[in-house]
């Protein structure tokens, strides 16, 4: 059984979602770090993820394209990678530490053991309150929540 809990943000620029996922954290982490697996769950359905290129290491770049039906490329750089525990990435930079046109967020994903399950937390810090408000109006909680359900499904199939 999946339990959804939202955590109060630490500051007014942050949005947070946490969920208990019925799969071991190694598998949940793998779904975040394997490009082929990411394509199965990353965008909230009916959107798709036709492309995912991941260089999962501090300083490594990523490119994840969401489609509905237009393409929405998401480019970023990993800031911290702790296998099976934590991923931190930002869209403030693209490959080669080139600054992005419009920095929007820094994302910290954590994976914690809770018995045979994983406490999955996505903490998204924005550059401004306005950016946070825009992300919330885009459907942050619903969209990231739906993706967490899809993530759980993908992890359980491994």
Foldseek 3Di string as FASTA:
>chain_A
DKDWDFDDAPDLQKGKTKIKFQAALLLLLVCVAPFVSVQQFVWQPPKTWPGWDWPPAALTKIWIWICPPDTDIQIWGWHHDDRSFKTKIWSQAHHPRHGDPDTFWIWMWGWDDDDRITIIMIMIGTPDSVSSVVCVVVPVVNTVVSSVVSSSVSSVVD
